């Protein structure tokens, strides 16, 4: 392989993106460049090095032996380049962290611990309600980080995001306080047959949650309630619950709501997978702290343990094989 002392970091970044994705379209999306521009950079790098780096066919992209040899060196060069930029960068900008909704235990705990781990970083909370809506803002640069069901996002969106599984949250149902099932300490899924459950249908920020509900309810005789105006604030929630009396799908750590009770679902125990999600390529000490905090809490609290026989959506992207 020929060498060059003047390789542009942009060319090496293009190379590592394609090497990671083994797909030119996904790599271009990750780098926010046109696919044609990415292909030109790869061809230029190959010319400057005098070596073919990828084998391209209509069905797949693979690294050549020279590509495999270049990859660790390219990563080292880019790491050094990024470290140099960081050393002379002004104070880091605030990291915008979407917690979904106020009072949620998992997201609040991760943010609180991350602030302890990185007290010099500004981690600013936002509340965007659902991961689909937040992910669109992350890709567009309006947010940096969010939490939710990564596997419920569209494949094209997932390709532009990084994700770290944080917790399997047990799902629950919020019932009017005088509902026939409200007296039970836990509600078997079979007991909800014939019920309509609100799961965010029609909310364009939360289709990943509605899809999770549809998968859980399938074959159990439980219907998803039709679209309804989003209740903002506890008083509005109380009013709508009293008027419509529609149970709401939630998780066991959902904050208490007036005129209602929250009951865990069982038989089987349904789990909602929650991941920390960020824009691919994002480098920020606050993100490092969030990832470390999430891993610490998951280990200490047993957040990634699955109860025997628990339910999870089948073939969910982003989940480890049990």
C-alpha atoms as a PDB file:
ATOM      1  CA  UNK A   1       0.000   0.000   0.000  1.00  0.00           C
ATOM      2  CA  UNK A   2       1.339   3.411  -0.925  1.00  0.00           C
ATOM      3  CA  UNK A   3       1.363   6.064   1.795  1.00  0.00           C
ATOM      4  CA  UNK A   4       0.505   9.737   1.939  1.00  0.00           C
ATOM      5  CA  UNK A   5       1.440  12.292   4.568  1.00  0.00           C
ATOM      6  CA  UNK A   6      -1.398  14.634   3.618  1.00  0.00           C
ATOM      7  CA  UNK A   7      -4.527  12.495   3.922  1.00  0.00           C
ATOM      8  CA  UNK A   8      -7.528  14.623   4.820  1.00  0.00           C
ATOM      9  CA  UNK A   9      -9.378  13.539   7.958  1.00  0.00           C
ATOM     10  CA  UNK A  10     -12.624  13.871   5.989  1.00  0.00           C
ATOM     11  CA  UNK A  11     -11.539  11.016   3.716  1.00  0.00           C
ATOM     12  CA  UNK A  12     -10.667   8.792   6.656  1.00  0.00           C
ATOM     13  CA  UNK A  13     -13.983   9.648   8.308  1.00  0.00           C
ATOM     14  CA  UNK A  14     -15.792   8.622   5.117  1.00  0.00           C
ATOM     15  CA  UNK A  15     -13.823   5.377   5.049  1.00  0.00           C
ATOM     16  CA  UNK A  16     -14.569   4.455   8.681  1.00  0.00           C
ATOM     17  CA  UNK A  17     -18.273   5.248   8.243  1.00  0.00           C
ATOM     18  CA  UNK A  18     -18.535   2.871   5.273  1.00  0.00           C
ATOM     19  CA  UNK A  19     -16.440   0.282   7.117  1.00  0.00           C
ATOM     20  CA  UNK A  20     -18.825   0.467  10.096  1.00  0.00           C
ATOM     21  CA  UNK A  21     -22.043   0.379   8.093  1.00  0.00           C
ATOM     22  CA  UNK A  22     -20.911  -1.748   5.109  1.00  0.00           C
ATOM     23  CA  UNK A  23     -23.526   0.221   3.224  1.00  0.00           C
ATOM     24  CA  UNK A  24     -22.929   3.468   1.300  1.00  0.00           C
ATOM     25  CA  UNK A  25     -26.446   4.872   1.754  1.00  0.00           C
ATOM     26  CA  UNK A  26     -26.426   4.404   5.533  1.00  0.00           C
ATOM     27  CA  UNK A  27     -22.889   5.758   5.820  1.00  0.00           C
ATOM     28  CA  UNK A  28     -23.844   8.867   3.821  1.00  0.00           C
ATOM     29  CA  UNK A  29     -26.866   9.459   6.086  1.00  0.00           C
ATOM     30  CA  UNK A  30     -24.659   9.071   9.156  1.00  0.00           C
ATOM     31  CA  UNK A  31     -22.257  11.722   7.837  1.00  0.00           C
ATOM     32  CA  UNK A  32     -25.020  14.011   6.516  1.00  0.00           C
ATOM     33  CA  UNK A  33     -23.574  13.981   2.992  1.00  0.00           C
ATOM     34  CA  UNK A  34     -24.896  12.890  -0.389  1.00  0.00           C
ATOM     35  CA  UNK A  35     -24.081   9.330  -1.376  1.00  0.00           C
ATOM     36  CA  UNK A  36     -22.347  10.545  -4.540  1.00  0.00           C
ATOM     37  CA  UNK A  37     -20.058  12.787  -2.474  1.00  0.00           C
ATOM     38  CA  UNK A  38     -19.229   9.902  -0.150  1.00  0.00           C
ATOM     39  CA  UNK A  39     -18.399   7.646  -3.101  1.00  0.00           C
ATOM     40  CA  UNK A  40     -16.116  10.343  -4.529  1.00  0.00           C
ATOM     41  CA  UNK A  41     -14.256  10.617  -1.215  1.00  0.00           C
ATOM     42  CA  UNK A  42     -13.740   6.855  -1.053  1.00  0.00           C
ATOM     43  CA  UNK A  43     -12.445   6.754  -4.622  1.00  0.00           C
ATOM     44  CA  UNK A  44     -10.103   9.664  -3.868  1.00  0.00           C
ATOM     45  CA  UNK A  45      -8.770   7.919  -0.767  1.00  0.00           C
ATOM     46  CA  UNK A  46      -8.191   4.747  -2.777  1.00  0.00           C
ATOM     47  CA  UNK A  47      -6.267   6.734  -5.411  1.00  0.00           C
ATOM     48  CA  UNK A  48      -4.115   8.493  -2.816  1.00  0.00           C
ATOM     49  CA  UNK A  49      -3.279   5.219  -1.082  1.00  0.00           C
ATOM     50  CA  UNK A  50      -2.961   3.237  -4.280  1.00  0.00           C
ATOM     51  CA  UNK A  51      -5.166   0.479  -2.903  1.00  0.00           C
ATOM     52  CA  UNK A  52      -8.709  -0.802  -3.240  1.00  0.00           C
ATOM     53  CA  UNK A  53     -10.434  -0.596   0.145  1.00  0.00           C
ATOM     54  CA  UNK A  54     -13.877  -2.102  -0.547  1.00  0.00           C
ATOM     55  CA  UNK A  55     -15.366  -4.798  -2.711  1.00  0.00           C
ATOM     56  CA  UNK A  56     -18.681  -3.444  -4.000  1.00  0.00           C
ATOM     57  CA  UNK A  57     -21.387  -5.612  -5.509  1.00  0.00           C
ATOM     58  CA  UNK A  58     -25.077  -4.984  -6.100  1.00  0.00           C
ATOM     59  CA  UNK A  59     -25.863  -6.917  -2.921  1.00  0.00           C
ATOM     60  CA  UNK A  60     -23.158  -6.068  -0.412  1.00  0.00           C
ATOM     61  CA  UNK A  61     -20.077  -4.061   0.507  1.00  0.00           C
ATOM     62  CA  UNK A  62     -17.075  -5.734   2.160  1.00  0.00           C
ATOM     63  CA  UNK A  63     -13.610  -4.616   3.206  1.00  0.00           C
ATOM     64  CA  UNK A  64     -10.614  -5.796   1.218  1.00  0.00           C
ATOM     65  CA  UNK A  65      -7.448  -6.971   2.981  1.00  0.00           C
ATOM     66  CA  UNK A  66      -6.004  -3.461   2.537  1.00  0.00           C
ATOM     67  CA  UNK A  67      -9.195  -1.987   3.936  1.00  0.00           C
ATOM     68  CA  UNK A  68      -8.959  -4.230   7.000  1.00  0.00           C
ATOM     69  CA  UNK A  69      -5.322  -3.150   7.414  1.00  0.00           C
ATOM     70  CA  UNK A  70      -6.155   0.543   7.133  1.00  0.00           C
ATOM     71  CA  UNK A  71      -9.095   0.558   9.557  1.00  0.00           C
ATOM     72  CA  UNK A  72      -7.256   0.557  12.930  1.00  0.00           C
ATOM     73  CA  UNK A  73      -4.839   3.242  11.699  1.00  0.00           C
ATOM     74  CA  UNK A  74      -7.717   5.384  10.432  1.00  0.00           C
ATOM     75  CA  UNK A  75      -9.447   5.154  13.813  1.00  0.00           C
ATOM     76  CA  UNK A  76      -6.248   6.179  15.615  1.00  0.00           C
ATOM     77  CA  UNK A  77      -5.732   9.175  13.332  1.00  0.00           C
ATOM     78  CA  UNK A  78      -9.339  10.340  13.755  1.00  0.00           C
ATOM     79  CA  UNK A  79      -9.200   9.896  17.529  1.00  0.00           C
ATOM     80  CA  UNK A  80      -6.047  12.044  17.666  1.00  0.00           C
ATOM     81  CA  UNK A  81      -7.607  14.625  15.343  1.00  0.00           C
ATOM     82  CA  UNK A  82     -10.738  14.843  17.517  1.00  0.00           C
ATOM     83  CA  UNK A  83      -8.663  15.081  20.700  1.00  0.00           C
ATOM     84  CA  UNK A  84      -6.690  17.967  19.188  1.00  0.00           C
ATOM     85  CA  UNK A  85      -9.898  19.783  18.256  1.00  0.00           C
ATOM     86  CA  UNK A  86     -11.294  19.230  21.750  1.00  0.00           C
ATOM     87  CA  UNK A  87      -8.167  20.639  23.383  1.00  0.00           C
ATOM     88  CA  UNK A  88      -8.636  23.996  21.664  1.00  0.00           C
ATOM     89  CA  UNK A  89     -12.419  24.122  21.609  1.00  0.00           C
ATOM     90  CA  UNK A  90     -14.248  26.722  23.669  1.00  0.00           C
ATOM     91  CA  UNK A  91     -16.320  25.580  26.624  1.00  0.00           C
ATOM     92  CA  UNK A  92     -18.666  22.798  25.590  1.00  0.00           C
ATOM     93  CA  UNK A  93     -22.141  23.901  24.651  1.00  0.00           C
ATOM     94  CA  UNK A  94     -25.080  22.652  26.732  1.00  0.00           C
ATOM     95  CA  UNK A  95     -26.285  19.128  25.968  1.00  0.00           C
ATOM     96  CA  UNK A  96     -30.060  19.048  25.373  1.00  0.00           C
ATOM     97  CA  UNK A  97     -31.495  15.914  27.006  1.00  0.00           C
ATOM     98  CA  UNK A  98     -35.114  14.922  26.397  1.00  0.00           C
ATOM     99  CA  UNK A  99     -36.617  13.099  29.414  1.00  0.00           C
ATOM    100  CA  UNK A 100     -39.987  12.427  27.684  1.00  0.00           C
ATOM    101  CA  UNK A 101     -42.207  13.616  30.566  1.00  0.00           C
ATOM    102  CA  UNK A 102     -41.650  15.184  34.001  1.00  0.00           C
ATOM    103  CA  UNK A 103     -41.459  12.756  36.917  1.00  0.00           C
ATOM    104  CA  UNK A 104     -40.344   9.622  35.049  1.00  0.00           C
ATOM    105  CA  UNK A 105     -38.022   7.638  37.308  1.00  0.00           C
ATOM    106  CA  UNK A 106     -35.637   6.115  34.764  1.00  0.00           C
ATOM    107  CA  UNK A 107     -34.809   9.190  32.716  1.00  0.00           C
ATOM    108  CA  UNK A 108     -34.629  11.495  35.737  1.00  0.00           C
ATOM    109  CA  UNK A 109     -32.301   9.113  37.603  1.00  0.00           C
ATOM    110  CA  UNK A 110     -29.922   8.829  34.644  1.00  0.00           C
ATOM    111  CA  UNK A 111     -29.762  12.609  34.184  1.00  0.00           C
ATOM    112  CA  UNK A 112     -29.256  13.215  37.913  1.00  0.00           C
ATOM    113  CA  UNK A 113     -26.375  10.729  38.092  1.00  0.00           C
ATOM    114  CA  UNK A 114     -24.800  12.106  34.897  1.00  0.00           C
ATOM    115  CA  UNK A 115     -24.792  15.606  36.396  1.00  0.00           C
ATOM    116  CA  UNK A 116     -22.938  14.180  39.415  1.00  0.00           C
ATOM    117  CA  UNK A 117     -20.387  12.486  37.152  1.00  0.00           C
ATOM    118  CA  UNK A 118     -19.804  15.592  35.013  1.00  0.00           C
ATOM    119  CA  UNK A 119     -20.483  18.636  37.215  1.00  0.00           C
ATOM    120  CA  UNK A 120     -18.660  20.921  34.783  1.00  0.00           C
ATOM    121  CA  UNK A 121     -21.049  20.063  31.940  1.00  0.00           C
ATOM    122  CA  UNK A 122     -24.415  21.742  31.341  1.00  0.00           C
ATOM    123  CA  UNK A 123     -27.028  19.028  30.829  1.00  0.00           C
ATOM    124  CA  UNK A 124     -30.345  20.714  30.099  1.00  0.00           C
ATOM    125  CA  UNK A 125     -33.598  18.772  30.393  1.00  0.00           C
ATOM    126  CA  UNK A 126     -36.315  18.905  27.762  1.00  0.00           C
ATOM    127  CA  UNK A 127     -39.720  17.182  27.681  1.00  0.00           C
ATOM    128  CA  UNK A 128     -40.812  16.081  24.201  1.00  0.00           C
ATOM    129  CA  UNK A 129     -43.319  13.320  25.129  1.00  0.00           C
ATOM    130  CA  UNK A 130     -42.256  10.569  22.712  1.00  0.00           C
ATOM    131  CA  UNK A 131     -39.137   9.149  21.100  1.00  0.00           C
ATOM    132  CA  UNK A 132     -40.348   9.406  17.494  1.00  0.00           C
ATOM    133  CA  UNK A 133     -40.850  13.143  17.840  1.00  0.00           C
ATOM    134  CA  UNK A 134     -37.604  13.553  19.757  1.00  0.00           C
ATOM    135  CA  UNK A 135     -35.648  11.473  17.228  1.00  0.00           C
ATOM    136  CA  UNK A 136     -36.716  13.775  14.409  1.00  0.00           C
ATOM    137  CA  UNK A 137     -35.351  16.705  16.400  1.00  0.00           C
ATOM    138  CA  UNK A 138     -32.140  14.834  17.213  1.00  0.00           C
ATOM    139  CA  UNK A 139     -31.499  14.128  13.535  1.00  0.00           C
ATOM    140  CA  UNK A 140     -32.249  17.784  12.712  1.00  0.00           C
ATOM    141  CA  UNK A 141     -29.943  19.034  15.481  1.00  0.00           C
ATOM    142  CA  UNK A 142     -32.637  20.513  17.734  1.00  0.00           C
ATOM    143  CA  UNK A 143     -32.009  17.950  20.491  1.00  0.00           C
ATOM    144  CA  UNK A 144     -28.996  15.831  21.406  1.00  0.00           C
ATOM    145  CA  UNK A 145     -30.275  12.896  23.454  1.00  0.00           C
ATOM    146  CA  UNK A 146     -33.555  11.198  24.294  1.00  0.00           C
ATOM    147  CA  UNK A 147     -34.918   8.002  25.822  1.00  0.00           C
ATOM    148  CA  UNK A 148     -37.443   5.453  24.613  1.00  0.00           C
ATOM    149  CA  UNK A 149     -38.147   2.427  22.476  1.00  0.00           C
ATOM    150  CA  UNK A 150     -35.335   2.578  19.923  1.00  0.00           C
ATOM    151  CA  UNK A 151     -36.601  -0.563  18.148  1.00  0.00           C
ATOM    152  CA  UNK A 152     -39.915   1.165  17.447  1.00  0.00           C
ATOM    153  CA  UNK A 153     -38.295   3.803  15.239  1.00  0.00           C
ATOM    154  CA  UNK A 154     -38.164   3.562  11.455  1.00  0.00           C
ATOM    155  CA  UNK A 155     -35.068   1.787  10.142  1.00  0.00           C
ATOM    156  CA  UNK A 156     -33.892   4.902   8.287  1.00  0.00           C
ATOM    157  CA  UNK A 157     -34.052   6.874  11.541  1.00  0.00           C
ATOM    158  CA  UNK A 158     -32.262   4.180  13.543  1.00  0.00           C
ATOM    159  CA  UNK A 159     -29.424   4.253  11.007  1.00  0.00           C
ATOM    160  CA  UNK A 160     -28.694   7.854  12.023  1.00  0.00           C
ATOM    161  CA  UNK A 161     -28.755   7.233  15.769  1.00  0.00           C
ATOM    162  CA  UNK A 162     -26.657   5.541  18.409  1.00  0.00           C
ATOM    163  CA  UNK A 163     -28.425   3.657  21.197  1.00  0.00           C
ATOM    164  CA  UNK A 164     -27.667   2.048  24.555  1.00  0.00           C
ATOM    165  CA  UNK A 165     -30.247  -0.158  26.251  1.00  0.00           C
ATOM    166  CA  UNK A 166     -30.919   1.203  29.740  1.00  0.00           C
ATOM    167  CA  UNK A 167     -33.881  -0.616  31.265  1.00  0.00           C
ATOM    168  CA  UNK A 168     -36.746  -3.031  30.797  1.00  0.00           C
ATOM    169  CA  UNK A 169     -39.648  -1.166  32.420  1.00  0.00           C
ATOM    170  CA  UNK A 170     -42.637  -3.198  33.577  1.00  0.00           C
ATOM    171  CA  UNK A 171     -45.798  -1.955  31.915  1.00  0.00           C
ATOM    172  CA  UNK A 172     -48.882  -0.922  33.849  1.00  0.00           C
ATOM    173  CA  UNK A 173     -52.397   0.397  33.382  1.00  0.00           C
ATOM    174  CA  UNK A 174     -53.871   3.593  34.833  1.00  0.00           C
ATOM    175  CA  UNK A 175     -57.515   3.018  35.827  1.00  0.00           C
ATOM    176  CA  UNK A 176     -60.286   5.286  37.108  1.00  0.00           C
ATOM    177  CA  UNK A 177     -60.233   4.883  40.881  1.00  0.00           C
ATOM    178  CA  UNK A 178     -63.697   3.286  40.874  1.00  0.00           C
ATOM    179  CA  UNK A 179     -62.977   0.910  37.964  1.00  0.00           C
ATOM    180  CA  UNK A 180     -63.888  -2.762  38.714  1.00  0.00           C
ATOM    181  CA  UNK A 181     -60.215  -3.747  38.378  1.00  0.00           C
ATOM    182  CA  UNK A 182     -58.892  -0.895  40.543  1.00  0.00           C
ATOM    183  CA  UNK A 183     -59.051  -3.004  43.690  1.00  0.00           C
ATOM    184  CA  UNK A 184     -56.563  -5.558  42.368  1.00  0.00           C
ATOM    185  CA  UNK A 185     -52.885  -5.158  43.354  1.00  0.00           C
ATOM    186  CA  UNK A 186     -51.948  -6.327  39.840  1.00  0.00           C
ATOM    187  CA  UNK A 187     -54.020  -6.637  36.686  1.00  0.00           C
ATOM    188  CA  UNK A 188     -53.684  -9.808  34.574  1.00  0.00           C
ATOM    189  CA  UNK A 189     -53.725  -9.009  30.874  1.00  0.00           C
ATOM    190  CA  UNK A 190     -56.619 -11.436  30.407  1.00  0.00           C
ATOM    191  CA  UNK A 191     -58.733  -9.258  32.734  1.00  0.00           C
ATOM    192  CA  UNK A 192     -58.496  -6.396  30.218  1.00  0.00           C
ATOM    193  CA  UNK A 193     -60.206  -8.370  27.445  1.00  0.00           C
ATOM    194  CA  UNK A 194     -63.027  -6.249  26.048  1.00  0.00           C
ATOM    195  CA  UNK A 195     -61.463  -2.991  27.299  1.00  0.00           C
ATOM    196  CA  UNK A 196     -60.319  -0.062  25.206  1.00  0.00           C
ATOM    197  CA  UNK A 197     -56.941   1.224  26.394  1.00  0.00           C
ATOM    198  CA  UNK A 198     -55.493   4.593  25.486  1.00  0.00           C
ATOM    199  CA  UNK A 199     -51.940   4.184  24.113  1.00  0.00           C
ATOM    200  CA  UNK A 200     -51.283   7.452  22.308  1.00  0.00           C
ATOM    201  CA  UNK A 201     -53.075   6.609  19.062  1.00  0.00           C
ATOM    202  CA  UNK A 202     -52.970   9.605  16.741  1.00  0.00           C
ATOM    203  CA  UNK A 203     -50.086  11.304  18.588  1.00  0.00           C
ATOM    204  CA  UNK A 204     -47.387  11.760  15.936  1.00  0.00           C
ATOM    205  CA  UNK A 205     -44.711  11.989  18.631  1.00  0.00           C
ATOM    206  CA  UNK A 206     -45.390   8.530  20.119  1.00  0.00           C
ATOM    207  CA  UNK A 207     -46.174   5.936  17.394  1.00  0.00           C
ATOM    208  CA  UNK A 208     -43.461   3.671  18.847  1.00  0.00           C
ATOM    209  CA  UNK A 209     -45.569   3.430  22.032  1.00  0.00           C
ATOM    210  CA  UNK A 210     -48.827   2.792  20.146  1.00  0.00           C
ATOM    211  CA  UNK A 211     -47.072   0.065  18.145  1.00  0.00           C
ATOM    212  CA  UNK A 212     -45.809  -1.560  21.360  1.00  0.00           C
ATOM    213  CA  UNK A 213     -49.387  -1.584  22.695  1.00  0.00           C
ATOM    214  CA  UNK A 214     -50.706  -3.105  19.477  1.00  0.00           C
ATOM    215  CA  UNK A 215     -48.171  -5.913  19.692  1.00  0.00           C
ATOM    216  CA  UNK A 216     -48.995  -6.551  23.352  1.00  0.00           C
ATOM    217  CA  UNK A 217     -52.780  -6.500  22.855  1.00  0.00           C
ATOM    218  CA  UNK A 218     -52.811  -8.676  19.713  1.00  0.00           C
ATOM    219  CA  UNK A 219     -54.826 -11.844  20.276  1.00  0.00           C
ATOM    220  CA  UNK A 220     -55.868 -10.830  23.798  1.00  0.00           C
ATOM    221  CA  UNK A 221     -59.177  -9.125  22.990  1.00  0.00           C
ATOM    222  CA  UNK A 222     -57.879  -5.708  24.074  1.00  0.00           C
ATOM    223  CA  UNK A 223     -58.489  -2.725  21.793  1.00  0.00           C
ATOM    224  CA  UNK A 224     -56.475   0.443  21.401  1.00  0.00           C
ATOM    225  CA  UNK A 225     -58.629   3.480  22.119  1.00  0.00           C
ATOM    226  CA  UNK A 226     -59.105   5.825  19.131  1.00  0.00           C
ATOM    227  CA  UNK A 227     -57.190   9.108  18.886  1.00  0.00           C
ATOM    228  CA  UNK A 228     -58.038  11.693  21.528  1.00  0.00           C
ATOM    229  CA  UNK A 229     -56.717  15.138  22.438  1.00  0.00           C
ATOM    230  CA  UNK A 230     -53.486  14.945  24.429  1.00  0.00           C
ATOM    231  CA  UNK A 231     -54.042  15.691  28.126  1.00  0.00           C
ATOM    232  CA  UNK A 232     -51.412  18.187  29.299  1.00  0.00           C
ATOM    233  CA  UNK A 233     -51.129  18.565  33.063  1.00  0.00           C
ATOM    234  CA  UNK A 234     -52.611  16.620  35.959  1.00  0.00           C
ATOM    235  CA  UNK A 235     -55.833  18.624  36.173  1.00  0.00           C
ATOM    236  CA  UNK A 236     -56.631  18.008  32.511  1.00  0.00           C
ATOM    237  CA  UNK A 237     -55.797  14.325  32.962  1.00  0.00           C
ATOM    238  CA  UNK A 238     -58.208  14.151  35.931  1.00  0.00           C
ATOM    239  CA  UNK A 239     -60.972  15.842  33.939  1.00  0.00           C
ATOM    240  CA  UNK A 240     -60.614  13.572  30.908  1.00  0.00           C
ATOM    241  CA  UNK A 241     -60.330  10.424  33.045  1.00  0.00           C
ATOM    242  CA  UNK A 242     -63.537  11.359  34.898  1.00  0.00           C
ATOM    243  CA  UNK A 243     -65.369  12.145  31.655  1.00  0.00           C
ATOM    244  CA  UNK A 244     -64.237   9.316  29.372  1.00  0.00           C
ATOM    245  CA  UNK A 245     -63.129   6.651  31.897  1.00  0.00           C
ATOM    246  CA  UNK A 246     -60.671   5.131  29.412  1.00  0.00           C
ATOM    247  CA  UNK A 247     -57.760   3.216  31.011  1.00  0.00           C
ATOM    248  CA  UNK A 248     -54.286   4.353  29.945  1.00  0.00           C
ATOM    249  CA  UNK A 249     -51.267   2.183  29.179  1.00  0.00           C
ATOM    250  CA  UNK A 250     -48.214   3.279  31.179  1.00  0.00           C
ATOM    251  CA  UNK A 251     -45.187   1.920  33.077  1.00  0.00           C
ATOM    252  CA  UNK A 252     -44.986   1.107  36.770  1.00  0.00           C
ATOM    253  CA  UNK A 253     -42.918   4.199  37.610  1.00  0.00           C
ATOM    254  CA  UNK A 254     -45.307   6.636  35.934  1.00  0.00           C
ATOM    255  CA  UNK A 255     -46.054   9.580  38.278  1.00  0.00           C
ATOM    256  CA  UNK A 256     -49.337   9.399  40.228  1.00  0.00           C
ATOM    257  CA  UNK A 257     -52.336  10.938  38.491  1.00  0.00           C
ATOM    258  CA  UNK A 258     -55.457  12.337  40.252  1.00  0.00           C
ATOM    259  CA  UNK A 259     -58.703  10.345  40.402  1.00  0.00           C
ATOM    260  CA  UNK A 260     -56.931   7.199  39.198  1.00  0.00           C
ATOM    261  CA  UNK A 261     -54.822   4.243  40.307  1.00  0.00           C
ATOM    262  CA  UNK A 262     -51.831   2.621  38.613  1.00  0.00           C
ATOM    263  CA  UNK A 263     -51.643  -1.172  38.547  1.00  0.00           C
ATOM    264  CA  UNK A 264     -48.810  -3.358  37.189  1.00  0.00           C
ATOM    265  CA  UNK A 265     -49.732  -5.731  34.358  1.00  0.00           C
ATOM    266  CA  UNK A 266     -49.026  -9.443  34.743  1.00  0.00           C
ATOM    267  CA  UNK A 267     -49.523 -12.910  33.255  1.00  0.00           C
ATOM    268  CA  UNK A 268     -47.197 -12.371  31.465  1.00  0.00           C
ATOM    269  CA  UNK A 269     -45.297  -9.350  32.764  1.00  0.00           C
ATOM    270  CA  UNK A 270     -44.987  -7.027  29.721  1.00  0.00           C
ATOM    271  CA  UNK A 271     -41.758  -5.054  29.416  1.00  0.00           C
ATOM    272  CA  UNK A 272     -41.087  -1.789  27.635  1.00  0.00           C
ATOM    273  CA  UNK A 273     -37.429  -1.552  26.494  1.00  0.00           C
ATOM    274  CA  UNK A 274     -35.983   1.902  27.185  1.00  0.00           C
ATOM    275  CA  UNK A 275     -32.773   3.004  25.465  1.00  0.00           C
ATOM    276  CA  UNK A 276     -30.625   6.096  25.619  1.00  0.00           C
ATOM    277  CA  UNK A 277     -30.553   7.466  22.060  1.00  0.00           C
ATOM    278  CA  UNK A 278     -28.280  10.077  20.477  1.00  0.00           C
ATOM    279  CA  UNK A 279     -27.214  11.364  17.088  1.00  0.00           C
ATOM    280  CA  UNK A 280     -24.449   9.272  15.511  1.00  0.00           C
ATOM    281  CA  UNK A 281     -21.168  11.126  15.484  1.00  0.00           C
ATOM    282  CA  UNK A 282     -22.077  13.275  18.517  1.00  0.00           C
ATOM    283  CA  UNK A 283     -19.065  13.863  20.746  1.00  0.00           C
ATOM    284  CA  UNK A 284     -19.744  15.549  24.087  1.00  0.00           C
ATOM    285  CA  UNK A 285     -18.514  14.905  27.610  1.00  0.00           C
ATOM    286  CA  UNK A 286     -22.119  15.150  28.769  1.00  0.00           C
ATOM    287  CA  UNK A 287     -23.102  12.232  26.525  1.00  0.00           C
ATOM    288  CA  UNK A 288     -20.202  10.208  27.942  1.00  0.00           C
ATOM    289  CA  UNK A 289     -21.516  10.936  31.434  1.00  0.00           C
ATOM    290  CA  UNK A 290     -25.059   9.932  30.489  1.00  0.00           C
ATOM    291  CA  UNK A 291     -23.869   6.624  29.028  1.00  0.00           C
ATOM    292  CA  UNK A 292     -21.780   5.888  32.109  1.00  0.00           C
ATOM    293  CA  UNK A 293     -24.645   6.854  34.421  1.00  0.00           C
ATOM    294  CA  UNK A 294     -27.069   4.613  32.536  1.00  0.00           C
ATOM    295  CA  UNK A 295     -24.688   1.645  32.735  1.00  0.00           C
ATOM    296  CA  UNK A 296     -24.035   2.214  36.457  1.00  0.00           C
ATOM    297  CA  UNK A 297     -27.722   2.423  37.340  1.00  0.00           C
ATOM    298  CA  UNK A 298     -28.674  -0.547  35.167  1.00  0.00           C
ATOM    299  CA  UNK A 299     -26.097  -2.681  36.981  1.00  0.00           C
ATOM    300  CA  UNK A 300     -26.883  -1.394  40.482  1.00  0.00           C
ATOM    301  CA  UNK A 301     -30.688  -1.502  40.154  1.00  0.00           C
ATOM    302  CA  UNK A 302     -31.009  -4.640  38.038  1.00  0.00           C
ATOM    303  CA  UNK A 303     -32.739  -2.686  35.289  1.00  0.00           C
ATOM    304  CA  UNK A 304     -31.796  -5.189  32.594  1.00  0.00           C
ATOM    305  CA  UNK A 305     -33.033  -8.312  34.374  1.00  0.00           C
ATOM    306  CA  UNK A 306     -36.027  -9.951  32.722  1.00  0.00           C
ATOM    307  CA  UNK A 307     -38.593 -11.684  34.968  1.00  0.00           C
ATOM    308  CA  UNK A 308     -39.137 -15.338  33.957  1.00  0.00           C
ATOM    309  CA  UNK A 309     -41.710 -15.565  31.166  1.00  0.00           C
ATOM    310  CA  UNK A 310     -41.783 -11.791  30.649  1.00  0.00           C
ATOM    311  CA  UNK A 311     -43.195 -10.426  27.387  1.00  0.00           C
ATOM    312  CA  UNK A 312     -41.130  -8.356  24.966  1.00  0.00           C
ATOM    313  CA  UNK A 313     -41.910  -7.463  21.335  1.00  0.00           C
ATOM    314  CA  UNK A 314     -40.520 -10.112  19.009  1.00  0.00           C
ATOM    315  CA  UNK A 315     -37.505  -9.382  16.780  1.00  0.00           C
ATOM    316  CA  UNK A 316     -36.974  -5.999  18.424  1.00  0.00           C
ATOM    317  CA  UNK A 317     -33.937  -4.161  16.984  1.00  0.00           C
ATOM    318  CA  UNK A 318     -31.421  -3.018  19.559  1.00  0.00           C
ATOM    319  CA  UNK A 319     -32.093  -5.745  22.150  1.00  0.00           C
ATOM    320  CA  UNK A 320     -29.496  -8.353  23.165  1.00  0.00           C
ATOM    321  CA  UNK A 321     -30.300 -12.003  22.515  1.00  0.00           C
ATOM    322  CA  UNK A 322     -31.263 -13.561  25.880  1.00  0.00           C
END
